[in-house]
C-alpha atoms as a PDB file:
ATOM      1  CA  MET A   1       8.810   7.156 -39.891  1.00  0.00           C
ATOM      2  CA  LYS A   2       6.987   9.516 -37.591  1.00  0.00           C
ATOM      3  CA  ARG A   3       4.497   7.849 -35.217  1.00  0.00           C
ATOM      4  CA  ASN A   4       1.638   9.245 -33.216  1.00  0.00           C
ATOM      5  CA  ALA A   5       1.086   8.511 -29.519  1.00  0.00           C
ATOM      6  CA  LYS A   6      -1.370   5.676 -30.174  1.00  0.00           C
ATOM      7  CA  GLN A   7       1.027   3.917 -32.552  1.00  0.00           C
ATOM      8  CA  ILE A   8       3.847   4.278 -30.023  1.00  0.00           C
ATOM      9  CA  ALA A   9       1.621   2.924 -27.247  1.00  0.00           C
ATOM     10  CA  MET A  10       0.581  -0.081 -29.342  1.00  0.00           C
ATOM     11  CA  ALA A  11       4.197  -0.822 -30.241  1.00  0.00           C
ATOM     12  CA  LEU A  12       5.141  -0.742 -26.548  1.00  0.00           C
ATOM     13  CA  VAL A  13       2.545  -3.372 -25.527  1.00  0.00           C
ATOM     14  CA  PRO A  14       4.714  -6.520 -25.870  1.00  0.00           C
ATOM     15  CA  HIS A  15       7.661  -4.878 -24.108  1.00  0.00           C
ATOM     16  CA  VAL A  16       5.473  -3.562 -21.315  1.00  0.00           C
ATOM     17  CA  ARG A  17       3.874  -6.984 -20.927  1.00  0.00           C
ATOM     18  CA  ALA A  18       7.309  -8.597 -20.610  1.00  0.00           C
ATOM     19  CA  TYR A  19       8.406  -5.961 -18.090  1.00  0.00           C
ATOM     20  CA  LEU A  20       5.268  -6.358 -15.959  1.00  0.00           C
ATOM     21  CA  VAL A  21       5.634 -10.147 -15.875  1.00  0.00           C
ATOM     22  CA  THR A  22       9.232  -9.850 -14.647  1.00  0.00           C
ATOM     23  CA  LYS A  23       8.229  -7.183 -12.126  1.00  0.00           C
ATOM     24  CA  VAL A  24       5.558  -9.433 -10.591  1.00  0.00           C
ATOM     25  CA  HIS A  25       7.976 -12.365 -10.667  1.00  0.00           C
ATOM     26  CA  ALA A  26      10.570 -10.296  -8.764  1.00  0.00           C
ATOM     27  CA  GLN A  27       8.006  -9.144  -6.197  1.00  0.00           C
ATOM     28  CA  VAL A  28       6.858 -12.723  -5.564  1.00  0.00           C
ATOM     29  CA  TRP A  29      10.408 -13.986  -5.102  1.00  0.00           C
ATOM     30  CA  ARG A  30      11.378 -11.058  -2.864  1.00  0.00           C
ATOM     31  CA  GLU A  31       8.344 -11.719  -0.646  1.00  0.00           C
ATOM     32  CA  LYS A  32       9.085 -15.460  -0.543  1.00  0.00           C
ATOM     33  CA  MET A  33      12.727 -14.935   0.434  1.00  0.00           C
ATOM     34  CA  ASP A  34      11.927 -12.195   2.969  1.00  0.00           C
ATOM     35  CA  THR A  35       9.226 -14.380   4.547  1.00  0.00           C
ATOM     36  CA  TRP A  36      11.738 -17.208   4.940  1.00  0.00           C
ATOM     37  CA  ALA A  37      14.364 -14.818   6.335  1.00  0.00           C
ATOM     38  CA  ARG A  38      11.984 -13.333   8.917  1.00  0.00           C
ATOM     39  CA  ALA A  39      10.951 -16.824  10.040  1.00  0.00           C
ATOM     40  CA  GLU A  40      14.598 -17.883  10.280  1.00  0.00           C
ATOM     41  CA  LEU A  41      15.525 -14.769  12.244  1.00  0.00           C
ATOM     42  CA  ALA A  42      12.604 -15.414  14.623  1.00  0.00           C
ATOM     43  CA  LYS A  43      13.582 -19.070  15.079  1.00  0.00           C
ATOM     44  CA  PHE A  44      17.181 -18.458  16.196  1.00  0.00           C
ATOM     45  CA  GLU A  45      18.699 -15.604  18.153  1.00  0.00           C
ATOM     46  CA  TYR A  46      21.121 -14.199  15.644  1.00  0.00           C
ATOM     47  CA  LYS A  47      23.021 -11.270  17.169  1.00  0.00           C
ATOM     48  CA  THR A  48      25.004  -8.326  15.914  1.00  0.00           C
ATOM     49  CA  ALA A  49      28.764  -8.794  15.955  1.00  0.00           C
ATOM     50  CA  ALA A  50      30.831  -7.056  18.623  1.00  0.00           C
ATOM     51  CA  ARG A  51      32.795  -5.200  15.924  1.00  0.00           C
ATOM     52  CA  TRP A  52      29.685  -3.145  15.135  1.00  0.00           C
ATOM     53  CA  LEU A  53      29.569  -1.965  18.745  1.00  0.00           C
ATOM     54  CA  GLU A  54      33.179  -0.765  18.579  1.00  0.00           C
ATOM     55  CA  GLY A  55      32.130   1.983  16.184  1.00  0.00           C
ATOM     56  CA  ARG A  56      29.936   3.304  18.989  1.00  0.00           C
ATOM     57  CA  GLY A  57      32.762   3.130  21.530  1.00  0.00           C
ATOM     58  CA  GLY A  58      31.908  -0.443  22.540  1.00  0.00           C
ATOM     59  CA  VAL A  59      28.723   0.772  24.190  1.00  0.00           C
ATOM     60  CA  GLY A  60      25.758  -1.589  24.452  1.00  0.00           C
ATOM     61  CA  LEU A  61      25.163  -5.274  24.061  1.00  0.00           C
ATOM     62  CA  PRO A  62      24.839  -7.196  20.828  1.00  0.00           C
ATOM     63  CA  ALA A  63      21.237  -6.838  19.670  1.00  0.00           C
ATOM     64  CA  ARG A  64      19.054  -9.542  18.198  1.00  0.00           C
ATOM     65  CA  ILE A  65      18.666  -9.254  14.428  1.00  0.00           C
ATOM     66  CA  THR A  66      15.046  -9.392  13.293  1.00  0.00           C
ATOM     67  CA  ASP A  67      15.146  -7.627   9.913  1.00  0.00           C
ATOM     68  CA  PRO A  68      16.545  -9.470   6.875  1.00  0.00           C
ATOM     69  CA  LYS A  69      18.208  -6.229   5.756  1.00  0.00           C
ATOM     70  CA  ASP A  70      20.398  -6.327   8.879  1.00  0.00           C
ATOM     71  CA  THR A  71      21.921  -9.779   8.365  1.00  0.00           C
ATOM     72  CA  TYR A  72      25.229  -8.188   7.358  1.00  0.00           C
ATOM     73  CA  LEU A  73      25.600  -7.187  11.033  1.00  0.00           C
ATOM     74  CA  MET A  74      25.851 -10.810  12.222  1.00  0.00           C
ATOM     75  CA  ASP A  75      29.040 -12.189  13.688  1.00  0.00           C
ATOM     76  CA  GLU A  76      30.899 -14.769  11.617  1.00  0.00           C
ATOM     77  CA  ASP A  77      29.482 -17.870  13.363  1.00  0.00           C
ATOM     78  CA  ASP A  78      25.890 -16.667  13.229  1.00  0.00           C
ATOM     79  CA  TYR A  79      26.249 -15.645   9.605  1.00  0.00           C
ATOM     80  CA  GLN A  80      27.706 -19.034   8.674  1.00  0.00           C
ATOM     81  CA  LEU A  81      24.743 -20.822  10.302  1.00  0.00           C
ATOM     82  CA  TYR A  82      22.280 -18.421   8.665  1.00  0.00           C
ATOM     83  CA  ARG A  83      23.855 -18.943   5.206  1.00  0.00           C
ATOM     84  CA  GLU A  84      23.774 -22.736   5.630  1.00  0.00           C
ATOM     85  CA  GLU A  85      20.073 -22.597   6.537  1.00  0.00           C
ATOM     86  CA  TRP A  86      19.433 -20.197   3.651  1.00  0.00           C
ATOM     87  CA  GLN A  87      21.219 -22.476   1.176  1.00  0.00           C
ATOM     88  CA  TYR A  88      19.296 -25.497   2.486  1.00  0.00           C
ATOM     89  CA  PHE A  89      16.022 -23.600   1.891  1.00  0.00           C
ATOM     90  CA  VAL A  90      17.021 -22.483  -1.630  1.00  0.00           C
ATOM     91  CA  ASP A  91      18.222 -25.983  -2.547  1.00  0.00           C
ATOM     92  CA  GLY A  92      14.864 -27.334  -1.344  1.00  0.00           C
ATOM     93  CA  LEU A  93      13.095 -25.162  -3.906  1.00  0.00           C
ATOM     94  CA  ASN A  94      14.634 -27.347  -6.643  1.00  0.00           C
ATOM     95  CA  LEU A  95      15.364 -24.410  -8.926  1.00  0.00           C
ATOM     96  CA  GLY A  96      18.694 -25.811 -10.090  1.00  0.00           C
ATOM     97  CA  LEU A  97      20.576 -22.694  -9.012  1.00  0.00           C
ATOM     98  CA  GLU A  98      24.278 -22.688  -8.262  1.00  0.00           C
ATOM     99  CA  PRO A  99      25.222 -22.193  -4.602  1.00  0.00           C
ATOM    100  CA  ASP A 100      24.881 -18.643  -3.267  1.00  0.00           C
ATOM    101  CA  ILE A 101      22.500 -17.547  -6.041  1.00  0.00           C
ATOM    102  CA  CYS A 102      19.446 -15.841  -4.548  1.00  0.00           C
ATOM    103  CA  PRO A 103      16.206 -16.407  -6.499  1.00  0.00           C
ATOM    104  CA  ALA A 104      14.933 -12.957  -5.501  1.00  0.00           C
ATOM    105  CA  LEU A 105      18.077 -11.186  -6.686  1.00  0.00           C
ATOM    106  CA  MET A 106      18.038 -13.186  -9.899  1.00  0.00           C
ATOM    107  CA  ALA A 107      14.391 -12.202 -10.518  1.00  0.00           C
ATOM    108  CA  GLU A 108      15.169  -8.550  -9.697  1.00  0.00           C
ATOM    109  CA  GLU A 109      18.010  -8.600 -12.222  1.00  0.00           C
ATOM    110  CA  MET A 110      15.636 -10.010 -14.835  1.00  0.00           C
ATOM    111  CA  GLU A 111      13.227  -7.156 -14.029  1.00  0.00           C
ATOM    112  CA  ARG A 112      16.036  -4.605 -14.431  1.00  0.00           C
ATOM    113  CA  GLN A 113      17.001  -6.091 -17.791  1.00  0.00           C
ATOM    114  CA  ALA A 114      13.375  -6.114 -18.998  1.00  0.00           C
ATOM    115  CA  GLY A 115      13.111  -2.473 -17.902  1.00  0.00           C
ATOM    116  CA  ASN A 116      16.220  -1.637 -19.887  1.00  0.00           C
ATOM    117  CA  ARG A 117      14.832  -3.356 -22.992  1.00  0.00           C
ATOM    118  CA  LEU A 118      11.550  -1.451 -22.579  1.00  0.00           C
ATOM    119  CA  LEU A 119      13.404   1.843 -22.195  1.00  0.00           C
ATOM    120  CA  GLU A 120      15.694   1.201 -25.147  1.00  0.00           C
ATOM    121  CA  TYR A 121      12.771   0.342 -27.402  1.00  0.00           C
ATOM    122  CA  GLY A 122      10.611   3.185 -26.094  1.00  0.00           C
ATOM    123  CA  CYS A 123      13.411   5.707 -26.566  1.00  0.00           C
ATOM    124  CA  GLN A 124      13.852   4.549 -30.171  1.00  0.00           C
ATOM    125  CA  LEU A 125      10.120   4.914 -30.814  1.00  0.00           C
ATOM    126  CA  ILE A 126       9.806   8.333 -29.191  1.00  0.00           C
ATOM    127  CA  ASN A 127      13.020   9.557 -30.826  1.00  0.00           C
ATOM    128  CA  LEU A 128      13.560  12.751 -28.847  1.00  0.00           C
ATOM    129  CA  PRO A 129      17.058  14.255 -28.536  1.00  0.00           C
ATOM    130  CA  GLY A 130      18.531  13.369 -25.144  1.00  0.00           C
ATOM    131  CA  PHE A 131      15.796  10.827 -24.387  1.00  0.00           C
ATOM    132  CA  ASN A 132      17.834   7.643 -24.219  1.00  0.00           C
ATOM    133  CA  LEU A 133      18.723   4.827 -21.836  1.00  0.00           C
ATOM    134  CA  GLU A 134      21.982   6.465 -20.814  1.00  0.00           C
ATOM    135  CA  SER A 135      20.336   9.747 -19.807  1.00  0.00           C
ATOM    136  CA  LEU A 136      17.491   7.956 -18.007  1.00  0.00           C
ATOM    137  CA  ASN A 137      19.903   5.837 -15.964  1.00  0.00           C
ATOM    138  CA  ILE A 138      21.570   8.927 -14.505  1.00  0.00           C
ATOM    139  CA  ARG A 139      18.922   8.991 -11.783  1.00  0.00           C
ATOM    140  CA  LEU A 140      16.866   5.972 -10.768  1.00  0.00           C
ATOM    141  CA  GLU A 141      13.795   8.165 -10.313  1.00  0.00           C
ATOM    142  CA  TRP A 142      13.979   9.275 -13.956  1.00  0.00           C
ATOM    143  CA  ARG A 143      14.393   5.688 -15.070  1.00  0.00           C
ATOM    144  CA  GLN A 144      11.348   4.533 -13.101  1.00  0.00           C
ATOM    145  CA  GLU A 145       9.264   7.514 -14.209  1.00  0.00           C
ATOM    146  CA  ALA A 146      10.018   6.725 -17.864  1.00  0.00           C
ATOM    147  CA  ILE A 147       9.119   3.055 -17.329  1.00  0.00           C
ATOM    148  CA  ASP A 148       5.899   4.056 -15.574  1.00  0.00           C
ATOM    149  CA  LEU A 149       5.047   6.464 -18.402  1.00  0.00           C
ATOM    150  CA  MET A 150       5.565   3.776 -21.043  1.00  0.00           C
ATOM    151  CA  CYS A 151       3.559   1.243 -19.019  1.00  0.00           C
ATOM    152  CA  GLY A 152       0.759   3.783 -18.647  1.00  0.00           C
ATOM    153  CA  MET A 153       0.735   4.473 -22.376  1.00  0.00           C
ATOM    154  CA  ALA A 154       0.562   0.773 -23.229  1.00  0.00           C
ATOM    155  CA  CYS A 155      -2.092   0.012 -20.589  1.00  0.00           C
ATOM    156  CA  LYS A 156      -4.398   2.704 -21.975  1.00  0.00           C
ATOM    157  CA  THR A 157      -4.562   0.801 -25.256  1.00  0.00           C
ATOM    158  CA  GLY A 158      -6.666  -1.876 -23.559  1.00  0.00           C
ATOM    159  CA  LYS A 159      -4.310  -4.593 -24.813  1.00  0.00           C
ATOM    160  CA  ILE A 160      -2.857  -5.285 -21.361  1.00  0.00           C
ATOM    161  CA  LYS A 161      -5.133  -6.867 -18.824  1.00  0.00           C
END
C-alpha cells in the first residue's frame, strides 16, 4: 500500500514517542552519573598513572583528573578506589542492577535500541530502495539525521507534545 507523507508521519508517532522517552531517560541518567563523577573527582585527588607519562618520554608529573571522561588514565589504586565509590553510589540508587552495570550506559543502550526500532519501522513505511537500517548505520550522522527527520515528521502531526 502506498502512503502519503501525512499517513507515514501519523504511523511514526508511537515509535517517535518511545524513542523520545528513552532519549530523555538517557540524558537524565548521563547527567546524574556525570554529576556524581565530577563531585567524586573533586573530593579526592585522583591522578594519572605514571605509565601515561612514559608515552611522552616520562616528562611531567601525574596530573589531577577532573573530567569523568579521563578516568581511564588513573593508576590502578586510584581506579580501584574510584570504582568502589562508584559502585557504592549505584547500589545506593536501589535500581537492582548487577555490579559494574552503569545506569547511564544502560539507558543509552535503550535509546539506541529505540532508535533502531524507529528506523526499521520508518524505513519499511517509506520503502525507498537503499533506505534501510543497514545503510543508515554506515555513518552515525546519517543515522541521527534519519531519526531527526522521522521525529520532525511525527512532531508536525501535533500528536506529540
